[in-house]
């Protein structure tokens, strides 16, 4: 039988016979069903970390698919490969790298609601609960399975090991007496830990995506630098109660900025704040009440630059205007000068903090990693050395006339450079490229490489830290089955090895609270 072309019966038959198009997976529904119970309904985190583009760090979509399918070892992240199709996993991974339609809010109320006190400060012991030197401890961050270890710096034994928040970032910061250490995770969790009793005291979520923290010279205030939301958060260091949430904008309040980092400037009794999207540096005093003027601010005031000060009730902001945003800072020992890298022009800029303006420019090719630089006295002059993330060289700079003294060729770009005032040697890793298993030993007296070590051939070596006396240098093997290798700092021979899961950094209490010239601050 032949049906007329316009027959409804023919149309019905053709529709029924047509192949059904496969529906694309709905990532929003997938996330709500499989992920929200651990990672939060808004992807802001819960028992699991936040799953926003800003919080995923250097994770690629391919790596995210792998984690979703197979889980993550030594964590609570399960494998979903047996319950989700490859298409569903791909859709879910892509969704995690998509920004929410509406920027999430995280203000004072949300910060306070997240705060937890685990121990009453009045109940803490009045002396260390172990026989090791409390000022020669190392805090070891193990990023492979997100743990922290406390290491005795004399016997090189673990005193404690405990789980940390996901992806600690920016380096822990110690109270001025060395008793408490503070951590921040990439997704904004700030943790206060008592090194005397080896227990977590308090925790708060100060942001959604955070860069680093700094603690005031009197130990009372913690400052938290946030990418998301674009705020600087000031906390009471003892209780982690929010004191101030400062929206970060230019002076006309037109441009919001991420905060690249916040630093302590001890002689100035202030915080220095690096901004990612605004051509300014901020200086904020932490004393209460704040001083009538900042150290050095009077110079700007006398020049008729009253606008440089934003008046706030407790934490006034001094704005230092620049030609371009700077980040990755280095300070001279007196904190009179700040050296910041410009990603846009490929140079470093020297800012004199007392007068509040740039005074020199340094032509450093590649991408100098100033935050990992060190300084020392060479031939009667103060110099600094900085590794480079893109160039196979260590740059040595005269800190009196800001000239480039020398570039020391290396086997590849590096990430960290470390030393100690009691050691003639500086250690510089080769973190990138085919020689990433190498570490150079540089004689600070003649600016020459005197030895190159390959602690574990084929495995990344990085981040050296000395003990408080400069007798030993501890080096990380950045591998899931890695280790901290202890070297005699004089003979350069191995003396101990501590197994660790991707030990990304180790921090000596004494060197940090005394601002050793051989380590980052």
Protein backbone atom coordinates (compact mmCIF):
# COMPACT_ATOMS: atom_id res chain seq x y z
CA UNK A 1 0.00 0.00 0.00
CA UNK A 2 1.19 3.48 -0.88
CA UNK A 3 0.46 6.23 1.64
CA UNK A 4 -0.06 9.82 0.56
CA UNK A 5 2.93 11.97 1.31
CA UNK A 6 0.96 14.11 3.74
CA UNK A 7 -0.54 11.13 5.55
CA UNK A 8 -0.27 11.36 9.38
CA UNK A 9 0.16 7.59 9.49
CA UNK A 10 3.26 7.81 7.26
CA UNK A 11 4.72 10.52 9.48
CA UNK A 12 4.16 8.37 12.56
CA UNK A 13 5.84 5.36 10.95
CA UNK A 14 8.85 7.39 9.87
CA UNK A 15 9.25 8.90 13.36
CA UNK A 16 9.10 5.47 14.98
CA UNK A 17 11.69 4.07 12.57
CA UNK A 18 14.14 6.96 12.95
CA UNK A 19 17.22 6.30 15.10
CA UNK A 20 17.06 7.91 18.53
CA UNK A 21 19.83 10.50 19.01
CA UNK A 22 21.96 9.87 22.06
CA UNK A 23 21.38 12.45 24.75
CA UNK A 24 24.43 14.36 25.94
CA UNK A 25 25.25 13.82 29.61
CA UNK A 26 23.98 16.55 31.93
CA UNK A 27 27.04 17.53 34.00
CA UNK A 28 25.00 19.58 36.46
CA UNK A 29 22.85 16.59 37.31
CA UNK A 30 25.90 14.32 37.42
CA UNK A 31 27.64 16.66 39.84
CA UNK A 32 24.56 16.92 42.09
CA UNK A 33 24.21 13.14 42.16
CA UNK A 34 27.82 12.03 42.49
CA UNK A 35 29.90 14.92 43.85
CA UNK A 36 27.87 17.46 45.83
CA UNK A 37 27.76 15.43 49.06
CA UNK A 38 31.54 15.77 49.45
CA UNK A 39 32.44 18.85 47.39
CA UNK A 40 29.44 21.06 48.20
CA UNK A 41 26.33 22.01 46.26
CA UNK A 42 28.04 25.12 44.85
CA UNK A 43 31.40 23.38 44.20
CA UNK A 44 32.80 25.38 47.12
CA UNK A 45 34.08 22.33 48.97
CA UNK A 46 33.03 20.28 51.98
CA UNK A 47 34.80 17.16 53.17
CA UNK A 48 36.44 17.32 49.73
CA UNK A 49 38.15 20.34 48.20
CA UNK A 50 36.50 23.08 46.14
CA UNK A 51 36.03 22.19 42.48
CA UNK A 52 36.25 25.56 40.74
CA UNK A 53 38.68 26.53 37.96
CA UNK A 54 40.63 28.76 40.39
CA UNK A 55 40.93 25.92 42.90
CA UNK A 56 42.16 23.19 40.58
CA UNK A 57 45.65 24.63 40.25
CA UNK A 58 47.73 23.06 37.49
CA UNK A 59 45.38 20.09 37.10
CA UNK A 60 44.45 19.53 33.44
CA UNK A 61 41.10 18.22 32.20
CA UNK A 62 42.81 14.98 31.18
CA UNK A 63 44.16 14.58 34.71
CA UNK A 64 40.74 15.42 36.14
CA UNK A 65 39.17 12.67 34.01
CA UNK A 66 41.78 10.24 35.32
CA UNK A 67 41.01 11.15 38.94
CA UNK A 68 37.25 10.85 38.41
CA UNK A 69 37.63 7.47 36.75
CA UNK A 70 40.25 5.91 39.02
CA UNK A 71 40.10 7.90 42.26
CA UNK A 72 43.09 9.32 44.08
CA UNK A 73 45.32 7.08 46.17
CA UNK A 74 45.67 7.78 49.91
CA UNK A 75 42.61 10.09 49.90
CA UNK A 76 38.84 9.68 50.29
CA UNK A 77 38.32 10.28 46.55
CA UNK A 78 36.70 7.08 45.17
CA UNK A 79 36.81 5.77 41.61
CA UNK A 80 33.74 6.37 39.42
CA UNK A 81 34.92 4.48 36.35
CA UNK A 82 32.62 1.55 37.09
CA UNK A 83 29.47 3.67 37.40
CA UNK A 84 29.96 6.48 34.88
CA UNK A 85 30.56 6.21 31.15
CA UNK A 86 33.57 7.81 29.48
CA UNK A 87 31.23 10.47 28.03
CA UNK A 88 29.83 11.26 31.48
CA UNK A 89 33.30 11.50 32.99
CA UNK A 90 34.44 13.85 30.20
CA UNK A 91 31.35 16.04 30.63
CA UNK A 92 31.83 16.18 34.39
CA UNK A 93 35.52 17.11 34.08
CA UNK A 94 34.72 19.89 31.60
CA UNK A 95 32.03 21.21 33.94
CA UNK A 96 34.53 21.54 36.79
CA UNK A 97 36.69 23.82 34.64
CA UNK A 98 33.75 26.10 33.84
CA UNK A 99 33.25 29.15 36.04
CA UNK A 100 29.87 29.48 37.79
CA UNK A 101 27.40 31.84 36.12
CA UNK A 102 27.34 33.89 39.34
CA UNK A 103 30.47 34.54 41.38
CA UNK A 104 30.14 32.82 44.77
CA UNK A 105 30.00 34.97 47.89
CA UNK A 106 32.35 34.48 50.80
CA UNK A 107 32.17 37.36 53.27
CA UNK A 108 32.46 37.88 57.00
CA UNK A 109 29.32 35.86 57.82
CA UNK A 110 30.45 32.86 55.77
CA UNK A 111 33.95 33.03 57.24
CA UNK A 112 32.67 33.15 60.81
CA UNK A 113 30.22 30.30 60.18
CA UNK A 114 33.09 28.07 59.00
CA UNK A 115 35.29 28.74 62.06
CA UNK A 116 36.02 25.88 64.47
CA UNK A 117 37.95 25.90 67.74
CA UNK A 118 39.21 22.40 68.56
CA UNK A 119 41.14 23.30 71.72
CA UNK A 120 40.56 26.08 74.24
CA UNK A 121 43.79 28.11 74.29
CA UNK A 122 43.60 28.07 78.11
CA UNK A 123 43.94 24.27 78.03
CA UNK A 124 47.20 24.21 76.05
CA UNK A 125 50.31 23.02 77.93
CA UNK A 126 52.89 25.51 79.15
CA UNK A 127 55.87 23.56 77.78
CA UNK A 128 56.66 21.26 74.82
CA UNK A 129 55.39 17.70 75.24
CA UNK A 130 58.58 16.11 73.84
CA UNK A 131 62.32 16.30 74.45
CA UNK A 132 63.37 17.70 71.04
CA UNK A 133 64.50 21.31 70.53
CA UNK A 134 61.23 23.13 69.69
CA UNK A 135 63.13 25.78 67.73
CA UNK A 136 64.91 23.24 65.54
CA UNK A 137 61.79 21.46 64.32
CA UNK A 138 60.97 21.13 60.64
CA UNK A 139 57.40 21.36 59.37
CA UNK A 140 57.30 19.07 56.33
CA UNK A 141 54.46 19.43 53.81
CA UNK A 142 53.78 16.17 51.96
CA UNK A 143 51.62 17.03 48.97
CA UNK A 144 51.46 13.48 47.62
CA UNK A 145 48.84 12.40 50.15
CA UNK A 146 48.10 15.80 51.76
CA UNK A 147 49.77 15.31 55.13
CA UNK A 148 52.12 17.32 57.33
CA UNK A 149 54.99 15.83 59.32
CA UNK A 150 56.81 17.41 62.26
CA UNK A 151 60.50 16.44 62.14
CA UNK A 152 63.07 16.63 64.95
CA UNK A 153 65.89 18.68 63.39
CA UNK A 154 68.59 17.04 65.52
CA UNK A 155 67.68 13.35 65.25
CA UNK A 156 65.73 13.59 61.96
CA UNK A 157 62.83 11.57 63.32
CA UNK A 158 59.10 12.22 62.97
CA UNK A 159 57.37 13.52 66.07
CA UNK A 160 53.94 13.59 64.39
CA UNK A 161 52.20 13.14 61.05
CA UNK A 162 48.65 14.35 60.44
CA UNK A 163 46.31 14.94 57.46
CA UNK A 164 46.18 18.48 56.11
CA UNK A 165 43.65 20.31 54.00
CA UNK A 166 43.87 19.66 50.27
CA UNK A 167 46.73 21.44 48.45
CA UNK A 168 48.46 23.60 51.04
CA UNK A 169 49.79 26.68 49.30
CA UNK A 170 52.16 29.56 49.99
CA UNK A 171 54.25 28.12 52.82
CA UNK A 172 53.33 27.82 56.52
CA UNK A 173 53.85 30.82 58.81
CA UNK A 174 55.03 30.68 62.43
CA UNK A 175 54.09 32.75 65.45
CA UNK A 176 57.00 34.98 66.57
CA UNK A 177 57.89 32.62 69.44
CA UNK A 178 57.82 29.59 67.12
CA UNK A 179 55.12 27.77 69.04
CA UNK A 180 52.27 27.90 66.52
CA UNK A 181 52.33 27.24 62.80
CA UNK A 182 49.62 28.34 60.38
CA UNK A 183 48.73 26.75 57.04
CA UNK A 184 46.51 27.86 54.18
CA UNK A 185 45.09 25.60 51.50
CA UNK A 186 44.41 26.55 47.92
CA UNK A 187 40.68 26.51 48.67
CA UNK A 188 40.99 28.98 51.52
CA UNK A 189 41.20 26.91 54.73
CA UNK A 190 43.46 28.42 57.40
CA UNK A 191 44.65 26.05 60.13
CA UNK A 192 46.40 26.93 63.42
CA UNK A 193 48.54 24.09 64.85
CA UNK A 194 50.29 23.95 68.22
CA UNK A 195 53.83 22.59 67.83
CA UNK A 196 54.25 22.10 71.59
CA UNK A 197 51.29 19.75 72.04
CA UNK A 198 51.23 18.52 68.41
CA UNK A 199 47.53 19.21 67.82
CA UNK A 200 45.29 21.37 65.65
CA UNK A 201 43.90 24.30 67.63
CA UNK A 202 41.55 26.08 65.21
CA UNK A 203 40.46 26.28 61.59
CA UNK A 204 38.52 28.71 59.40
CA UNK A 205 37.79 29.15 55.73
CA UNK A 206 38.91 32.66 54.82
CA UNK A 207 38.35 32.46 51.06
CA UNK A 208 37.40 30.25 48.14
CA UNK A 209 40.77 30.41 46.39
CA UNK A 210 43.68 31.67 48.48
CA UNK A 211 47.31 32.35 47.63
CA UNK A 212 49.19 32.71 50.91
CA UNK A 213 49.13 34.07 54.45
CA UNK A 214 51.32 36.30 56.63
CA UNK A 215 51.39 36.76 60.39
CA UNK A 216 52.07 40.08 62.10
CA UNK A 217 55.31 40.69 63.96
CA UNK A 218 53.45 40.72 67.28
CA UNK A 219 51.69 37.45 66.45
CA UNK A 220 48.17 38.88 66.78
CA UNK A 221 46.94 39.20 63.19
CA UNK A 222 46.86 36.79 60.24
CA UNK A 223 46.46 38.23 56.75
CA UNK A 224 45.03 36.04 53.96
CA UNK A 225 45.50 36.84 50.27
CA UNK A 226 42.55 35.73 48.11
CA UNK A 227 42.07 35.29 44.39
CA UNK A 228 38.40 34.44 44.94
CA UNK A 229 36.66 36.43 46.19
CA UNK A 230 38.94 39.37 45.51
CA UNK A 231 39.59 40.24 49.13
CA UNK A 232 42.25 40.59 51.77
CA UNK A 233 41.06 38.97 54.99
CA UNK A 234 42.51 39.84 58.41
CA UNK A 235 42.00 37.31 61.22
CA UNK A 236 42.66 37.21 64.93
CA UNK A 237 45.59 34.78 64.98
CA UNK A 238 44.64 33.06 68.23
CA UNK A 239 40.97 32.35 67.49
CA UNK A 240 40.87 32.89 63.69
CA UNK A 241 37.93 35.26 64.17
CA UNK A 242 37.57 37.60 61.15
CA UNK A 243 38.66 41.14 62.01
CA UNK A 244 38.28 42.74 58.59
CA UNK A 245 37.31 41.66 55.08
CA UNK A 246 38.72 44.24 52.66
CA UNK A 247 37.42 44.29 49.05
CA UNK A 248 40.44 44.89 46.84
CA UNK A 249 39.94 47.59 44.21
CA UNK A 250 41.81 50.49 42.71
CA UNK A 251 41.39 53.83 44.46
CA UNK A 252 38.44 54.74 42.24
CA UNK A 253 36.69 51.46 43.15
CA UNK A 254 36.26 50.61 39.46
CA UNK A 255 38.60 47.63 39.07
CA UNK A 256 38.54 44.63 41.40
CA UNK A 257 41.82 42.80 41.82
CA UNK A 258 42.99 39.39 42.86
CA UNK A 259 45.59 39.44 45.63
CA UNK A 260 48.83 37.81 44.46
CA UNK A 261 50.37 37.57 47.94
CA UNK A 262 50.71 39.23 51.32
CA UNK A 263 54.02 39.64 53.16
CA UNK A 264 55.16 40.71 56.61
CA UNK A 265 57.55 43.68 56.78
CA UNK A 266 58.83 43.39 60.39
CA UNK A 267 60.81 46.66 60.71
CA UNK A 268 57.88 48.57 59.26
CA UNK A 269 55.31 46.81 61.49
CA UNK A 270 53.10 46.34 58.46
CA UNK A 271 51.85 43.97 55.79
CA UNK A 272 52.83 44.47 52.15
CA UNK A 273 50.14 43.37 49.67
CA UNK A 274 50.79 42.46 46.02
CA UNK A 275 47.87 42.97 43.61
CA UNK A 276 47.44 40.95 40.43
CA UNK A 277 45.13 43.20 38.41
CA UNK A 278 45.80 46.73 39.68
CA UNK A 279 49.07 48.64 39.33
CA UNK A 280 49.46 49.25 43.06
CA UNK A 281 51.19 47.89 46.13
CA UNK A 282 49.41 48.22 49.45
CA UNK A 283 50.95 48.70 52.87
CA UNK A 284 48.76 48.08 55.91
CA UNK A 285 49.87 48.55 59.54
CA UNK A 286 48.82 45.78 61.92
CA UNK A 287 49.15 47.63 65.23
CA UNK A 288 46.00 48.48 67.17
CA UNK A 289 45.46 51.38 67.27
CA UNK A 290 47.29 52.09 64.00
CA UNK A 291 50.13 54.62 64.05
CA UNK A 292 49.35 58.20 63.08
CA UNK A 293 51.54 57.72 60.00
CA UNK A 294 53.26 54.80 58.38
CA UNK A 295 57.04 54.48 58.52
CA UNK A 296 57.97 56.43 55.41
CA UNK A 297 54.46 57.63 54.60
CA UNK A 298 55.30 61.13 55.79
CA UNK A 299 57.45 61.53 52.68
CA UNK A 300 54.46 60.99 50.42
CA UNK A 301 52.23 63.17 52.57
CA UNK A 302 54.64 66.09 52.41
CA UNK A 303 54.52 65.89 48.61
CA UNK A 304 50.79 66.46 48.60
CA UNK A 305 49.85 62.82 48.00
CA UNK A 306 47.15 62.60 50.65
CA UNK A 307 45.12 60.36 48.33
CA UNK A 308 47.76 57.67 48.77
CA UNK A 309 46.17 56.86 52.14
CA UNK A 310 42.76 55.22 52.30
CA UNK A 311 41.45 55.97 55.78
CA UNK A 312 40.03 52.92 57.54
CA UNK A 313 39.02 52.62 61.14
CA UNK A 314 41.58 50.01 62.16
CA UNK A 315 43.63 48.92 59.14
CA UNK A 316 44.39 51.99 56.98
CA UNK A 317 45.73 51.28 53.50
CA UNK A 318 48.68 53.07 51.99
CA UNK A 319 48.61 52.78 48.19
CA UNK A 320 51.87 52.90 46.23
CA UNK A 321 51.06 53.45 42.58
CA UNK A 322 53.07 51.73 39.85
CA UNK A 323 53.21 51.59 36.07
CA UNK A 324 52.15 47.94 36.03
CA UNK A 325 51.17 45.20 38.46
CA UNK A 326 54.05 43.42 40.18
CA UNK A 327 54.17 40.08 41.96
CA UNK A 328 56.67 37.49 43.23
CA UNK A 329 58.43 39.90 45.62
CA UNK A 330 61.83 39.95 47.31
CA UNK A 331 62.80 42.34 50.14
CA UNK A 332 66.16 43.59 51.32
CA UNK A 333 67.01 42.73 54.97
CA UNK A 334 65.96 46.18 56.21
CA UNK A 335 62.69 46.08 54.25
CA UNK A 336 63.45 49.46 52.72
CA UNK A 337 63.36 48.06 49.18
CA UNK A 338 60.97 45.72 47.42
CA UNK A 339 61.95 43.94 44.22
CA UNK A 340 58.95 42.77 42.21
CA UNK A 341 58.70 40.89 38.92
CA UNK A 342 56.62 42.18 36.04
CA UNK A 343 55.14 39.38 33.94
CA UNK A 344 54.16 41.84 31.21
CA UNK A 345 57.54 43.40 30.45
CA UNK A 346 59.99 40.71 31.53
CA UNK A 347 61.82 42.90 34.02
CA UNK A 348 62.12 43.41 37.76
CA UNK A 349 61.28 46.73 39.41
CA UNK A 350 62.85 48.08 42.62
CA UNK A 351 60.42 50.06 44.80
CA UNK A 352 61.77 52.22 47.64
CA UNK A 353 59.12 51.76 50.30
CA UNK A 354 59.90 54.90 52.31
CA UNK A 355 59.37 57.27 49.39
CA UNK A 356 56.77 55.00 47.82
CA UNK A 357 57.96 54.84 44.23
CA UNK A 358 60.12 52.77 41.85
CA UNK A 359 63.78 53.74 41.77
CA UNK A 360 65.37 51.13 39.46
CA UNK A 361 64.60 48.50 36.88
CA UNK A 362 66.44 45.21 36.42
CA UNK A 363 66.52 43.58 32.98
CA UNK A 364 66.02 39.93 33.98
CA UNK A 365 65.04 37.78 31.01
CA UNK A 366 62.80 34.77 31.36
CA UNK A 367 60.76 34.60 34.56
CA UNK A 368 62.85 35.26 37.69
CA UNK A 369 61.46 33.52 40.78
CA UNK A 370 62.21 36.33 43.21
CA UNK A 371 60.19 34.80 46.04
CA UNK A 372 62.75 32.00 46.21
CA UNK A 373 65.77 34.28 46.08
CA UNK A 374 68.27 34.80 48.90
CA UNK A 375 70.78 37.48 49.86
CA UNK A 376 74.25 37.50 51.41
CA UNK A 377 77.36 39.68 51.71
CA UNK A 378 79.85 39.33 48.86
CA UNK A 379 83.07 41.33 48.80
CA UNK A 380 81.63 43.75 51.31
CA UNK A 381 78.44 44.35 49.35
CA UNK A 382 74.92 42.97 49.82
CA UNK A 383 73.89 40.86 46.84
CA UNK A 384 70.89 38.72 46.01
CA UNK A 385 70.61 35.59 43.92
CA UNK A 386 67.44 34.49 42.16
CA UNK A 387 66.56 31.37 40.18
CA UNK A 388 64.63 31.59 36.94
CA UNK A 389 61.55 29.59 35.95
CA UNK A 390 62.26 29.84 32.22
CA UNK A 391 65.99 30.47 31.85
CA UNK A 392 68.88 28.15 32.75
CA UNK A 393 70.68 30.65 34.95
CA UNK A 394 71.02 32.08 38.46
CA UNK A 395 71.10 35.89 38.42
CA UNK A 396 73.32 37.69 40.97
CA UNK A 397 72.31 41.32 41.61
CA UNK A 398 74.14 44.08 43.48
CA UNK A 399 71.66 45.48 46.00
CA UNK A 400 73.47 48.81 46.34
CA UNK A 401 73.47 50.00 42.73
CA UNK A 402 70.98 47.40 41.40
CA UNK A 403 73.29 46.16 38.67
CA UNK A 404 73.48 42.61 37.34
CA UNK A 405 76.81 41.22 38.59
CA UNK A 406 76.71 37.82 36.99
CA UNK A 407 74.53 35.10 35.55
CA UNK A 408 75.60 31.62 36.61
CA UNK A 409 74.70 29.06 33.89
CA UNK A 410 72.76 26.05 35.17
CA UNK A 411 71.56 22.76 33.67
CA UNK A 412 68.04 24.12 33.35
CA UNK A 413 65.46 26.49 34.85
CA UNK A 414 65.09 26.27 38.62
CA UNK A 415 62.49 26.88 41.29
CA UNK A 416 64.27 27.22 44.66
CA UNK A 417 67.53 28.67 45.95
CA UNK A 418 68.49 28.26 49.62
CA UNK A 419 71.41 28.82 51.98
CA UNK A 420 72.23 29.72 55.60
CA UNK A 421 74.28 32.52 57.13
CA UNK A 422 76.64 29.88 58.61
CA UNK A 423 77.21 28.12 55.30
CA UNK A 424 79.47 29.20 52.40
CA UNK A 425 77.20 27.38 49.96
CA UNK A 426 73.91 28.10 48.24
CA UNK A 427 71.83 25.23 46.85
CA UNK A 428 69.87 25.71 43.62
CA UNK A 429 67.67 23.05 42.05
CA UNK A 430 67.09 22.39 38.35
CA UNK A 431 63.37 21.88 38.66
CA UNK A 432 62.39 21.90 34.98
CA UNK A 433 63.66 20.02 31.95
CA UNK A 434 65.63 16.87 31.41
CA UNK A 435 68.05 17.61 34.29
CA UNK A 436 65.36 18.06 36.93
CA UNK A 437 67.07 15.44 39.11
CA UNK A 438 70.10 17.71 39.58
CA UNK A 439 70.89 20.29 42.26
CA UNK A 440 73.79 22.75 42.05
CA UNK A 441 76.02 23.76 44.97
CA UNK A 442 77.21 27.35 44.51
CA UNK A 443 80.10 28.85 46.47
CA UNK A 444 78.81 32.22 47.67
CA UNK A 445 82.38 33.55 47.89
CA UNK A 446 83.34 33.16 44.22
CA UNK A 447 79.88 32.75 42.65
CA UNK A 448 80.80 29.47 41.00
CA UNK A 449 79.14 26.05 40.93
CA UNK A 450 81.47 23.77 42.87
CA UNK A 451 79.45 20.57 42.74
CA UNK A 452 76.33 19.14 41.12
CA UNK A 453 74.45 16.38 42.93
CA UNK A 454 71.94 13.92 41.50
CA UNK A 455 70.41 12.49 44.69
CA UNK A 456 67.98 10.09 42.94
CA UNK A 457 68.58 9.85 39.18
CA UNK A 458 65.40 10.50 37.23
CA UNK A 459 63.50 11.96 40.21
CA UNK A 460 62.87 15.68 40.72
CA UNK A 461 65.09 17.28 43.40
CA UNK A 462 64.06 20.55 44.99
CA UNK A 463 63.53 22.83 47.97
CA UNK A 464 66.52 22.71 50.31
CA UNK A 465 66.16 23.97 53.87
CA UNK A 466 68.88 24.15 56.53
CA UNK A 467 68.63 23.33 60.21
CA UNK A 468 68.88 26.21 62.68
CA UNK A 469 72.68 25.98 62.94
CA UNK A 470 73.45 25.59 59.25
CA UNK A 471 75.04 22.18 59.85
CA UNK A 472 72.62 20.16 57.72
CA UNK A 473 70.76 20.75 54.48
CA UNK A 474 67.49 18.89 53.87
CA UNK A 475 66.47 18.28 50.26
CA UNK A 476 63.17 16.95 48.85
CA UNK A 477 62.66 14.23 46.27
CA UNK A 478 59.35 15.30 44.71
CA UNK A 479 57.79 11.89 44.11
CA UNK A 480 54.82 10.02 45.56
CA UNK A 481 57.37 7.50 46.84
CA UNK A 482 59.82 10.29 47.65
CA UNK A 483 62.04 11.23 50.55
CA UNK A 484 63.76 14.02 52.43
CA UNK A 485 67.51 13.55 52.13
CA UNK A 486 69.69 15.06 54.87
CA UNK A 487 73.15 16.26 53.82
CA UNK A 488 76.11 17.38 55.88
CA UNK A 489 76.26 21.02 54.81
CA UNK A 490 80.07 21.10 54.92
CA UNK A 491 81.08 17.77 53.35
CA UNK A 492 77.96 17.55 51.13
CA UNK A 493 77.62 13.86 52.02
CA UNK A 494 74.28 12.18 52.75
CA UNK A 495 73.70 11.41 56.44
CA UNK A 496 70.01 10.38 56.61
CA UNK A 497 66.94 9.72 54.50
CA UNK A 498 63.32 10.17 55.61
CA UNK A 499 60.62 8.54 53.41
CA UNK A 500 57.87 11.01 52.44
CA UNK A 501 55.00 11.32 49.96
CA UNK A 502 56.01 14.05 47.51
CA UNK A 503 57.60 16.34 50.12
CA UNK A 504 57.00 19.71 48.50
CA UNK A 505 58.57 21.85 51.22
CA UNK A 506 60.11 21.81 54.67
CA UNK A 507 60.38 24.78 57.01
CA UNK A 508 62.68 25.19 60.00
CA UNK A 509 61.18 27.03 62.96
CA UNK A 510 64.32 28.96 63.96
CA UNK A 511 65.20 30.07 60.44
CA UNK A 512 61.69 31.31 59.79
CA UNK A 513 61.11 33.26 62.99
CA UNK A 514 64.64 34.74 62.91
CA UNK A 515 64.40 35.62 59.21
CA UNK A 516 67.52 33.74 58.18
CA UNK A 517 69.11 35.32 55.13
CA UNK A 518 69.24 31.92 53.44
CA UNK A 519 65.52 31.18 53.26
CA UNK A 520 62.29 32.74 52.07
CA UNK A 521 60.17 34.81 54.44
